[in-house]
Amino acid sequence: MARDITIAIRELSPFEQLVLNLLCEGKSNSAIASETAHTEKVIENTVSRSAQVFGIKSDSDTNLRVLLALAFRTHYGDKAFDSLHVECAHFEIGPNGESMCNRHVE
């Protein structure tokens, strides 16, 4: 089933961005709570609030965390995934032998 994900209706707060960065690393709510010294309920509410920012609704056919990670990456760029240390699919070797992303952004 295709999903429409809207551009964020507002910018995420720094805490929401932190939580989503950790979510993008594949961390559970429990792990995020431990890392940020908050309760799991705070993290759960932050994830839900962040999903609302992107117009993502949860249902039985939707993995909210996956769609939220994709929306976050789309809105905030590939830097959200830098900590995963996964090489960009757009990398090529430049004229001086350096790795560079050949992705064309307009």
Protein backbone atom coordinates (compact mmCIF):
# COMPACT_ATOMS: atom_id res chain seq x y z
CA MET A 1 0.00 0.00 0.00
CA ALA A 2 1.47 3.36 -1.03
CA ARG A 3 1.81 6.01 1.65
CA ASP A 4 1.87 9.76 1.34
CA ILE A 5 4.42 11.31 3.65
CA THR A 6 4.24 15.05 3.82
CA ILE A 7 7.08 17.46 4.27
CA ALA A 8 7.33 18.31 7.94
CA ILE A 9 4.60 20.71 9.00
CA ARG A 10 7.08 22.22 11.47
CA GLU A 11 10.75 21.75 12.26
CA LEU A 12 11.51 19.07 14.79
CA SER A 13 12.83 20.17 18.16
CA PRO A 14 16.46 19.32 18.96
CA PHE A 15 15.25 16.53 21.27
CA GLU A 16 12.95 15.11 18.57
CA GLN A 17 15.88 15.17 16.15
CA LEU A 18 18.09 13.38 18.69
CA VAL A 19 15.46 10.69 19.25
CA LEU A 20 14.96 10.19 15.50
CA ASN A 21 18.70 10.04 14.89
CA LEU A 22 18.88 7.22 17.43
CA LEU A 23 15.79 5.60 15.90
CA CYS A 24 17.55 5.72 12.52
CA GLU A 25 20.44 3.82 14.10
CA GLY A 26 17.95 1.03 14.80
CA LYS A 27 17.75 1.61 18.55
CA SER A 28 14.67 0.58 20.50
CA ASN A 29 12.66 2.99 22.64
CA SER A 30 14.24 1.36 25.69
CA ALA A 31 17.77 1.95 24.37
CA ILE A 32 16.94 5.53 23.39
CA ALA A 33 15.48 6.15 26.85
CA SER A 34 18.65 4.86 28.49
CA GLU A 35 20.90 6.91 26.25
CA THR A 36 18.96 10.14 26.74
CA ALA A 37 18.15 9.62 30.44
CA HIS A 38 14.41 9.78 29.80
CA THR A 39 11.61 7.29 30.37
CA GLU A 40 10.40 4.97 27.64
CA LYS A 41 7.04 6.79 27.79
CA VAL A 42 8.76 10.10 26.96
CA ILE A 43 10.48 8.45 24.00
CA GLU A 44 7.26 6.78 22.87
CA ASN A 45 5.45 10.13 22.99
CA THR A 46 8.31 11.84 21.14
CA VAL A 47 8.20 9.24 18.36
CA SER A 48 4.42 9.60 18.07
CA ARG A 49 4.62 13.40 18.03
CA SER A 50 7.35 13.28 15.40
CA ALA A 51 5.24 10.98 13.22
CA GLN A 52 2.43 13.54 13.38
CA VAL A 53 4.83 16.21 12.12
CA PHE A 54 5.27 14.14 8.94
CA GLY A 55 1.61 13.14 8.70
CA ILE A 56 2.38 9.46 9.33
CA LYS A 57 -0.44 7.47 10.87
CA SER A 58 -0.03 4.04 12.37
CA ASP A 59 -2.24 1.15 11.32
CA SER A 60 -1.96 -2.62 11.05
CA ASP A 61 -0.26 -2.42 7.63
CA THR A 62 2.27 0.26 8.57
CA ASN A 63 5.58 0.13 10.40
CA LEU A 64 5.56 3.64 11.80
CA ARG A 65 9.25 3.56 12.77
CA VAL A 66 10.37 2.65 9.25
CA LEU A 67 8.27 5.36 7.62
CA LEU A 68 9.39 7.86 10.23
CA ALA A 69 13.05 7.02 9.60
CA LEU A 70 12.51 7.46 5.84
CA ALA A 71 10.70 10.76 6.32
CA PHE A 72 13.40 12.01 8.69
CA ARG A 73 16.13 11.05 6.23
CA THR A 74 14.27 12.73 3.38
CA HIS A 75 13.73 15.95 5.32
CA TYR A 76 17.06 16.17 7.15
CA GLY A 77 19.27 14.49 4.56
CA ASP A 78 21.58 11.52 4.50
CA LYS A 79 23.58 12.90 7.44
CA ALA A 80 20.96 11.27 9.66
CA PHE A 81 22.51 7.93 8.71
CA ASP A 82 26.20 8.86 8.85
CA SER A 83 26.67 7.11 12.18
CA LEU A 84 25.78 3.80 10.54
CA HIS A 85 29.02 4.00 8.53
CA VAL A 86 27.31 2.62 5.42
CA GLU A 87 28.90 3.91 2.28
CA CYS A 88 26.65 6.03 0.10
CA ALA A 89 25.42 4.21 -3.01
CA HIS A 90 26.35 7.33 -4.98
CA PHE A 91 30.06 7.24 -4.13
CA GLU A 92 32.67 7.20 -6.84
CA ILE A 93 36.38 7.83 -6.87
CA GLY A 94 37.19 11.43 -7.70
CA PRO A 95 40.05 12.72 -9.88
CA ASN A 96 42.39 12.91 -6.88
CA GLY A 97 41.50 9.42 -5.62
CA GLU A 98 39.11 10.68 -2.96
CA SER A 99 35.67 9.17 -2.36
CA MET A 100 32.92 11.55 -3.31
CA CYS A 101 29.17 11.38 -3.67
CA ASN A 102 28.05 11.84 -7.25
CA ARG A 103 24.44 12.45 -6.25
CA HIS A 104 23.14 15.48 -8.06
CA VAL A 105 20.96 17.68 -5.87
CA GLU A 106 19.08 20.48 -7.51
